[in-house]
Amino acid sequence: MAQLLRAPSAPSLVGLEEELTCSICLCVFESPVTTPCGHNFCLPCLEMTWSGLLRNFCCPQCRSSFDSRPELKKNTVLCRVVEQFQSAQGEPAEKKKGLGDATTKTSTTTTTSGRQDLPHLHGLLLPGAPAAAPGEPRLQGPPAGGAGEGPPAAEVPNPPEAPGVLLQGAQQLHLLFLLGHAQGVRHRPLARVATKFTLDFNTAHKKVLLSERNTKISVSETPQNYPHHPQRFTYCSQVVAFQCFKRGIHYWEVELEHNTFCGVGVCYGSMARQGAESRLGRNGSSWCIEWFNSRISAWHNDIEKCLPNTKLKKIGVLLNYDGGFVIFFGVGEKLILLYKFRAQFTEALYPAFWVFSSGTTISLCQLK
């Protein structure tokens, strides 16, 4: 223990940070507590996870169940290690906001930087992308208003007027620059809004298997022994993120394997959890891209827009909450624009996922 409390050297900081990271919020521990099974979490994260439960308490990491709500006490030794780590990094301890507000420290930071450093992303990024108005999937032009008044170097030509088309020339280079995938790129604007999140096992359907610290989704052959929770999906094999977004610009990527039956989208926390209307895109509270065998579709409000069939392994999602749009595209050597939904969002949005076929997996990419 004395070695842990000794100030770490620079090369060891990365490994130590991983050990001091809460598996719920993916941030360095704040007010760490230890469960009876020996796992550590931020006190606010664990309280949020167990909020509303009267019984069936379990560890978010190993799923160990407890007969009654465990009495959580601050792990003072771990607190000292965290303080030593933050001191070695030269960063003061940062008080975490309530997870129900801007979700995490990560979300709060990206919201601020997105507004201050990326004003051109508000409406300029892919301004003419295929778009769907609420309840009406159709192609739509750029949003009205003065957004996009950036320097000439930030401007992009109009993208193709159809989904599933490769972005070419300046469009390709500009978006590669924004995503940080171009070789030799020193500045990565979207890296400032890259968002970390984990999956909320309290929402996971019993056929959804979560692994790798709640960042990988697959289909379980046998139902998982998840405790009852009012937010759990009971009709579709779906799960949503623990974090939500109420404002700002956010970007994330997911990697797909054997994506014959799966979906990637966003939804309101109020979306139904039971019945056919709880499926992503089959209601007015969710927007998604879905792979159904060989068919790819955009879904919202139970309206389907068929998209060109393309083989994709990685999907990028760009959400501009204040700008009122969410864009889905394929990420690789070539960028493929899938679809752009436009909506006036009225509630916090959660990343959401659907998996159905055995062997299909969706993994959250940790962007640097």
Protein backbone atom coordinates (compact mmCIF):
# COMPACT_ATOMS: atom_id res chain seq x y z
CA MET A 1 0.00 0.00 0.00
CA ALA A 2 2.95 2.31 0.68
CA GLN A 3 3.98 1.86 -2.95
CA LEU A 4 0.55 2.95 -4.12
CA LEU A 5 0.69 6.06 -1.98
CA ARG A 6 4.11 7.02 -3.32
CA ALA A 7 3.91 9.65 -6.07
CA PRO A 8 3.85 7.73 -9.39
CA SER A 9 6.34 8.39 -12.15
CA ALA A 10 5.10 9.74 -15.49
CA PRO A 11 5.32 6.41 -17.39
CA SER A 12 3.17 4.71 -14.75
CA LEU A 13 0.38 7.29 -14.78
CA VAL A 14 -1.51 5.69 -17.67
CA GLY A 15 -1.71 2.29 -16.03
CA LEU A 16 -2.58 3.80 -12.68
CA GLU A 17 -5.37 5.88 -14.21
CA GLU A 18 -7.00 2.70 -15.52
CA GLU A 19 -6.94 1.21 -12.03
CA LEU A 20 -8.46 4.39 -10.61
CA THR A 21 -11.27 4.63 -13.18
CA CYS A 22 -14.89 4.01 -12.24
CA SER A 23 -16.43 1.43 -14.56
CA ILE A 24 -19.74 3.31 -14.57
CA CYS A 25 -18.69 6.84 -15.56
CA LEU A 26 -15.20 6.06 -16.95
CA CYS A 27 -13.76 8.94 -14.93
CA VAL A 28 -11.24 8.88 -12.10
CA PHE A 29 -12.96 7.97 -8.84
CA GLU A 30 -14.80 10.65 -6.91
CA SER A 31 -15.64 9.73 -3.31
CA PRO A 32 -14.79 6.06 -4.00
CA VAL A 33 -16.67 3.37 -2.12
CA THR A 34 -16.23 -0.41 -2.10
CA THR A 35 -19.04 -2.93 -2.48
CA PRO A 36 -19.13 -6.13 -0.37
CA CYS A 37 -17.82 -8.06 -3.40
CA GLY A 38 -14.70 -5.88 -3.49
CA HIS A 39 -15.32 -3.60 -6.48
CA ASN A 40 -14.87 0.16 -6.33
CA PHE A 41 -17.13 2.88 -7.73
CA CYS A 42 -17.80 6.59 -7.34
CA LEU A 43 -20.37 7.07 -4.60
CA PRO A 44 -22.61 9.28 -6.84
CA CYS A 45 -22.46 6.67 -9.64
CA LEU A 46 -23.47 3.79 -7.40
CA GLU A 47 -26.24 5.78 -5.75
CA MET A 48 -27.59 6.69 -9.17
CA THR A 49 -27.43 3.04 -10.28
CA TRP A 50 -29.37 1.86 -7.24
CA SER A 51 -31.81 4.76 -7.10
CA GLY A 52 -35.44 3.68 -7.09
CA LEU A 53 -34.64 0.11 -6.01
CA LEU A 54 -36.10 -1.38 -2.86
CA ARG A 55 -34.52 -4.81 -3.38
CA ASN A 56 -32.42 -6.80 -5.87
CA PHE A 57 -29.30 -4.72 -5.37
CA CYS A 58 -26.28 -5.99 -7.28
CA CYS A 59 -22.76 -4.97 -8.22
CA PRO A 60 -22.66 -3.21 -11.63
CA GLN A 61 -19.38 -4.98 -12.44
CA CYS A 62 -19.65 -8.62 -11.36
CA ARG A 63 -23.46 -8.77 -10.85
CA SER A 64 -23.10 -10.15 -7.30
CA SER A 65 -26.46 -9.71 -5.58
CA PHE A 66 -27.08 -8.42 -2.08
CA ASP A 67 -30.07 -9.23 0.13
CA SER A 68 -30.33 -5.60 1.24
CA ARG A 69 -28.82 -2.31 0.19
CA PRO A 70 -25.17 -2.40 1.30
CA GLU A 71 -23.97 0.30 3.64
CA LEU A 72 -21.45 2.25 1.57
CA LYS A 73 -18.48 3.77 3.32
CA LYS A 74 -15.86 6.01 1.79
CA ASN A 75 -12.66 4.15 0.93
CA THR A 76 -10.21 6.56 2.56
CA VAL A 77 -7.10 4.75 1.35
CA LEU A 78 -8.31 4.85 -2.26
CA CYS A 79 -9.20 8.53 -1.83
CA ARG A 80 -5.58 9.24 -0.90
CA VAL A 81 -4.32 7.34 -3.93
CA VAL A 82 -6.64 9.37 -6.18
CA GLU A 83 -5.38 12.61 -4.62
CA GLN A 84 -1.77 11.51 -5.18
CA PHE A 85 -2.56 10.63 -8.80
CA GLN A 86 -4.28 13.95 -9.52
CA SER A 87 -1.41 15.82 -7.87
CA ALA A 88 1.11 13.95 -10.05
CA GLN A 89 -0.93 14.89 -13.12
CA GLY A 90 -0.94 18.52 -12.06
CA GLU A 91 -4.73 18.63 -12.17
CA PRO A 92 -6.88 19.66 -9.21
CA ALA A 93 -9.67 17.36 -8.16
CA GLU A 94 -12.77 18.24 -10.13
CA LYS A 95 -16.15 17.90 -8.52
CA LYS A 96 -18.49 15.82 -10.60
CA LYS A 97 -21.90 17.19 -11.47
CA GLY A 98 -25.01 15.12 -11.01
CA LEU A 99 -25.16 12.34 -13.58
CA GLY A 100 -28.70 13.29 -14.46
CA ASP A 101 -27.67 16.79 -15.57
CA ALA A 102 -24.87 16.90 -18.11
CA THR A 103 -24.17 13.21 -17.44
CA THR A 104 -20.46 13.21 -16.50
CA LYS A 105 -17.41 15.39 -16.31
CA THR A 106 -16.65 14.28 -19.85
CA SER A 107 -20.00 15.45 -21.17
CA THR A 108 -19.76 18.79 -19.39
CA THR A 109 -16.31 19.40 -20.86
CA THR A 110 -17.26 18.48 -24.39
CA THR A 111 -20.33 20.66 -24.26
CA THR A 112 -18.25 23.69 -23.37
CA SER A 113 -15.49 23.06 -25.88
CA GLY A 114 -18.02 22.27 -28.57
CA ARG A 115 -19.57 25.71 -28.22
CA GLN A 116 -16.40 27.72 -27.80
CA ASP A 117 -13.98 25.99 -30.17
CA LEU A 118 -16.23 24.46 -32.81
CA PRO A 119 -18.85 27.05 -33.77
CA HIS A 120 -18.74 25.94 -37.40
CA LEU A 121 -19.98 22.49 -36.44
CA HIS A 122 -23.34 23.88 -35.35
CA GLY A 123 -24.72 23.76 -38.87
CA LEU A 124 -21.79 23.68 -41.26
CA LEU A 125 -20.66 20.10 -40.85
CA LEU A 126 -22.41 18.16 -43.59
CA PRO A 127 -25.08 20.87 -43.90
CA GLY A 128 -26.91 19.25 -46.79
CA ALA A 129 -26.80 15.70 -45.52
CA PRO A 130 -29.89 13.51 -45.98
CA ALA A 131 -32.24 14.51 -43.22
CA ALA A 132 -35.51 13.47 -41.69
CA ALA A 133 -37.97 15.89 -40.17
CA PRO A 134 -39.86 14.52 -37.16
CA GLY A 135 -42.15 11.80 -38.42
CA GLU A 136 -41.16 12.39 -42.05
CA PRO A 137 -37.97 10.70 -43.29
CA ARG A 138 -36.95 12.71 -46.33
CA LEU A 139 -33.99 14.54 -47.81
CA GLN A 140 -33.64 18.03 -46.45
CA GLY A 141 -31.32 20.95 -47.07
CA PRO A 142 -29.10 22.78 -44.61
CA PRO A 143 -30.63 24.36 -41.53
CA ALA A 144 -31.61 27.98 -41.81
CA GLY A 145 -29.83 30.68 -39.89
CA GLY A 146 -26.38 32.13 -39.57
CA ALA A 147 -24.67 28.98 -38.29
CA GLY A 148 -21.59 28.01 -40.19
CA GLU A 149 -19.95 31.42 -40.33
CA GLY A 150 -16.46 30.05 -39.90
CA PRO A 151 -13.20 30.84 -41.65
CA PRO A 152 -12.91 29.75 -45.29
CA ALA A 153 -10.68 26.83 -44.32
CA ALA A 154 -13.52 25.33 -42.30
CA GLU A 155 -16.05 25.40 -45.10
CA VAL A 156 -17.14 22.21 -46.84
CA PRO A 157 -18.86 21.67 -50.16
CA ASN A 158 -22.37 20.28 -50.11
CA PRO A 159 -22.30 16.49 -49.67
CA PRO A 160 -24.12 14.12 -52.04
CA GLU A 161 -27.89 14.46 -52.08
CA ALA A 162 -28.42 10.78 -51.35
CA PRO A 163 -27.51 8.50 -48.45
CA GLY A 164 -24.99 5.72 -48.86
CA VAL A 165 -22.79 7.72 -51.22
CA LEU A 166 -19.04 7.97 -50.68
CA LEU A 167 -17.89 11.42 -49.71
CA GLN A 168 -15.30 12.55 -52.22
CA GLY A 169 -12.58 15.14 -52.65
CA ALA A 170 -12.75 18.09 -50.29
CA GLN A 171 -15.73 16.56 -48.46
CA GLN A 172 -13.72 13.43 -47.68
CA LEU A 173 -10.62 15.33 -46.59
CA HIS A 174 -12.56 17.78 -44.43
CA LEU A 175 -14.48 15.11 -42.56
CA LEU A 176 -11.32 13.02 -42.17
CA PHE A 177 -9.71 16.09 -40.64
CA LEU A 178 -12.62 16.59 -38.27
CA LEU A 179 -12.51 12.95 -37.22
CA GLY A 180 -8.74 12.95 -36.87
CA HIS A 181 -8.27 9.99 -39.24
CA ALA A 182 -6.13 11.80 -41.81
CA GLN A 183 -2.41 11.08 -41.61
CA GLY A 184 -0.33 13.95 -40.29
CA VAL A 185 -3.31 15.75 -38.78
CA ARG A 186 -2.17 17.57 -35.64
CA HIS A 187 -5.47 19.15 -34.66
CA ARG A 188 -8.58 17.02 -34.30
CA PRO A 189 -11.63 19.24 -33.76
CA LEU A 190 -14.01 16.35 -33.13
CA ALA A 191 -11.63 14.89 -30.57
CA ARG A 192 -12.78 17.76 -28.36
CA VAL A 193 -16.34 16.50 -28.49
CA ALA A 194 -15.54 12.78 -28.45
CA THR A 195 -17.70 11.38 -25.68
CA LYS A 196 -17.08 8.48 -23.33
CA PHE A 197 -20.01 6.55 -21.93
CA THR A 198 -20.88 3.14 -20.56
CA LEU A 199 -23.97 0.99 -20.90
CA ASP A 200 -26.57 0.92 -18.15
CA PHE A 201 -27.16 -2.72 -17.20
CA ASN A 202 -30.33 -1.61 -15.40
CA THR A 203 -31.84 -1.06 -18.86
CA ALA A 204 -30.42 -4.18 -20.56
CA HIS A 205 -32.89 -6.80 -21.77
CA LYS A 206 -32.21 -10.21 -20.25
CA LYS A 207 -30.96 -11.52 -23.60
CA VAL A 208 -28.37 -8.72 -23.80
CA LEU A 209 -24.94 -9.66 -22.49
CA LEU A 210 -22.69 -6.79 -21.39
CA SER A 211 -18.93 -7.28 -21.13
CA GLU A 212 -15.61 -5.41 -21.10
CA ARG A 213 -16.70 -3.08 -18.32
CA ASN A 214 -20.11 -2.47 -19.87
CA THR A 215 -18.74 -1.30 -23.23
CA LYS A 216 -19.51 -4.37 -25.37
CA ILE A 217 -22.95 -5.73 -26.30
CA SER A 218 -23.78 -9.22 -27.53
CA VAL A 219 -26.70 -11.65 -27.51
CA SER A 220 -26.88 -14.18 -24.70
CA GLU A 221 -28.07 -17.70 -25.51
CA THR A 222 -29.65 -17.92 -22.07
CA PRO A 223 -31.45 -15.10 -20.22
CA GLN A 224 -29.23 -13.17 -17.82
CA ASN A 225 -30.20 -13.08 -14.17
CA TYR A 226 -30.68 -9.33 -14.11
CA PRO A 227 -32.73 -7.98 -11.20
CA HIS A 228 -36.06 -6.33 -11.85
CA HIS A 229 -35.80 -2.65 -12.68
CA PRO A 230 -38.47 -0.26 -14.01
CA GLN A 231 -36.06 0.96 -16.73
CA ARG A 232 -35.25 -2.52 -18.07
CA PHE A 233 -36.35 -3.42 -21.61
CA THR A 234 -38.65 -6.44 -21.57
CA TYR A 235 -39.75 -6.70 -25.21
CA CYS A 236 -36.66 -6.01 -27.37
CA SER A 237 -33.05 -7.00 -26.74
CA GLN A 238 -31.90 -3.41 -26.25
CA VAL A 239 -29.80 -1.33 -23.87
CA VAL A 240 -29.13 2.39 -23.46
CA ALA A 241 -26.16 4.29 -22.07
CA PHE A 242 -25.80 5.28 -18.46
CA GLN A 243 -25.03 8.84 -19.55
CA CYS A 244 -27.32 11.26 -21.36
CA PHE A 245 -26.92 14.52 -23.26
CA LYS A 246 -29.05 17.62 -22.73
CA ARG A 247 -27.02 20.12 -24.73
CA GLY A 248 -23.95 20.58 -26.89
CA ILE A 249 -22.16 18.57 -29.56
CA HIS A 250 -21.16 14.95 -28.93
CA TYR A 251 -19.42 12.35 -31.07
CA TRP A 252 -18.87 8.61 -30.62
CA GLU A 253 -18.01 5.54 -32.67
CA VAL A 254 -19.03 1.90 -32.38
CA GLU A 255 -17.55 -1.19 -34.00
CA LEU A 256 -19.85 -3.87 -35.38
CA GLU A 257 -19.22 -7.60 -35.82
CA HIS A 258 -21.56 -9.87 -37.77
CA ASN A 259 -24.04 -7.01 -38.00
CA THR A 260 -26.93 -8.89 -39.58
CA PHE A 261 -29.52 -7.88 -36.99
CA CYS A 262 -28.65 -4.83 -34.89
CA GLY A 263 -29.34 -1.13 -34.49
CA VAL A 264 -27.50 2.01 -33.39
CA GLY A 265 -29.35 5.14 -32.34
CA VAL A 266 -30.39 7.64 -29.71
CA CYS A 267 -33.54 7.85 -27.60
CA TYR A 268 -35.27 9.78 -24.87
CA GLY A 269 -35.18 8.33 -21.38
CA SER A 270 -38.98 8.32 -21.44
CA MET A 271 -39.12 5.82 -24.32
CA ALA A 272 -41.34 2.83 -23.54
CA ARG A 273 -39.67 -0.26 -22.06
CA GLN A 274 -42.44 -2.74 -22.83
CA GLY A 275 -44.40 -3.67 -25.93
CA ALA A 276 -43.74 -3.26 -29.65
CA GLU A 277 -43.53 0.52 -29.33
CA SER A 278 -40.38 0.12 -27.20
CA ARG A 279 -38.30 -0.91 -30.21
CA LEU A 280 -35.80 1.68 -31.44
CA GLY A 281 -37.21 3.84 -34.21
CA ARG A 282 -40.76 2.53 -33.79
CA ASN A 283 -41.84 5.55 -31.77
CA GLY A 284 -41.43 9.31 -31.70
CA SER A 285 -38.83 9.09 -28.91
CA SER A 286 -35.99 7.40 -30.81
CA TRP A 287 -33.92 7.65 -33.98
CA CYS A 288 -31.77 4.83 -35.33
CA ILE A 289 -30.00 3.08 -38.17
CA GLU A 290 -30.91 -0.60 -38.33
CA TRP A 291 -29.39 -3.65 -40.01
CA PHE A 292 -32.04 -6.29 -40.67
CA ASN A 293 -30.42 -9.18 -42.51
CA SER A 294 -29.17 -7.58 -45.75
CA ARG A 295 -31.33 -4.45 -45.43
CA ILE A 296 -30.17 -1.16 -43.91
CA SER A 297 -32.83 1.34 -42.84
CA ALA A 298 -33.24 4.61 -40.99
CA TRP A 299 -36.14 4.50 -38.51
CA HIS A 300 -38.05 7.15 -36.59
CA ASN A 301 -41.67 7.30 -35.42
CA ASP A 302 -42.31 3.87 -37.00
CA ILE A 303 -41.41 5.20 -40.45
CA GLU A 304 -38.71 3.38 -42.39
CA LYS A 305 -36.34 4.91 -44.93
CA CYS A 306 -34.45 2.21 -46.85
CA LEU A 307 -30.76 2.97 -47.39
CA PRO A 308 -28.24 1.60 -49.90
CA ASN A 309 -26.66 -1.63 -48.69
CA THR A 310 -23.04 -1.12 -47.69
CA LYS A 311 -20.63 -3.27 -45.70
CA LEU A 312 -19.64 -1.35 -42.60
CA LYS A 313 -17.57 -2.29 -39.56
CA LYS A 314 -17.47 1.04 -37.76
CA ILE A 315 -20.22 3.63 -37.32
CA GLY A 316 -19.76 7.25 -36.29
CA VAL A 317 -22.55 9.19 -34.59
CA LEU A 318 -22.49 12.98 -34.36
CA LEU A 319 -25.18 14.55 -32.18
CA ASN A 320 -25.74 18.29 -32.17
CA TYR A 321 -28.44 18.65 -29.54
CA ASP A 322 -28.85 22.41 -29.79
CA GLY A 323 -28.59 22.34 -33.58
CA GLY A 324 -31.32 19.69 -33.74
CA PHE A 325 -29.69 16.90 -35.70
CA VAL A 326 -27.96 13.54 -35.39
CA ILE A 327 -25.81 12.13 -38.21
CA PHE A 328 -24.82 8.51 -38.81
CA PHE A 329 -22.00 7.56 -41.15
CA GLY A 330 -19.61 4.71 -41.89
CA VAL A 331 -16.03 5.28 -40.75
CA GLY A 332 -13.10 3.73 -42.59
CA GLU A 333 -10.70 4.47 -45.40
CA LYS A 334 -13.75 5.83 -47.18
CA LEU A 335 -16.48 7.73 -45.37
CA ILE A 336 -20.05 6.79 -46.18
CA LEU A 337 -22.85 9.14 -45.27
CA LEU A 338 -25.74 7.03 -43.98
CA TYR A 339 -28.43 9.41 -42.76
CA LYS A 340 -29.10 12.69 -41.02
CA PHE A 341 -32.14 13.08 -38.78
CA ARG A 342 -33.37 16.55 -37.91
CA ALA A 343 -35.57 17.12 -34.87
CA GLN A 344 -36.28 19.64 -32.16
CA PHE A 345 -35.13 17.62 -29.18
CA THR A 346 -37.14 18.19 -26.03
CA GLU A 347 -35.61 15.67 -23.60
CA ALA A 348 -32.19 14.33 -22.70
CA LEU A 349 -30.88 11.86 -25.29
CA TYR A 350 -29.24 8.52 -24.54
CA PRO A 351 -27.12 6.46 -26.95
CA ALA A 352 -29.16 3.31 -27.58
CA PHE A 353 -28.49 -0.10 -29.14
CA TRP A 354 -30.36 -3.19 -30.34
CA VAL A 355 -28.84 -6.64 -30.96
CA PHE A 356 -30.76 -9.70 -32.02
CA SER A 357 -28.79 -12.40 -33.83
CA SER A 358 -26.28 -14.71 -32.16
CA GLY A 359 -22.71 -13.64 -32.87
CA THR A 360 -23.59 -9.99 -33.41
CA THR A 361 -21.60 -7.63 -31.19
CA ILE A 362 -21.46 -3.85 -30.80
CA SER A 363 -18.38 -2.40 -29.10
CA LEU A 364 -17.98 1.18 -27.94
CA CYS A 365 -14.77 2.66 -29.35
CA GLN A 366 -12.58 4.54 -26.91
CA LEU A 367 -11.49 7.58 -28.89
CA LYS A 368 -8.29 9.37 -27.91
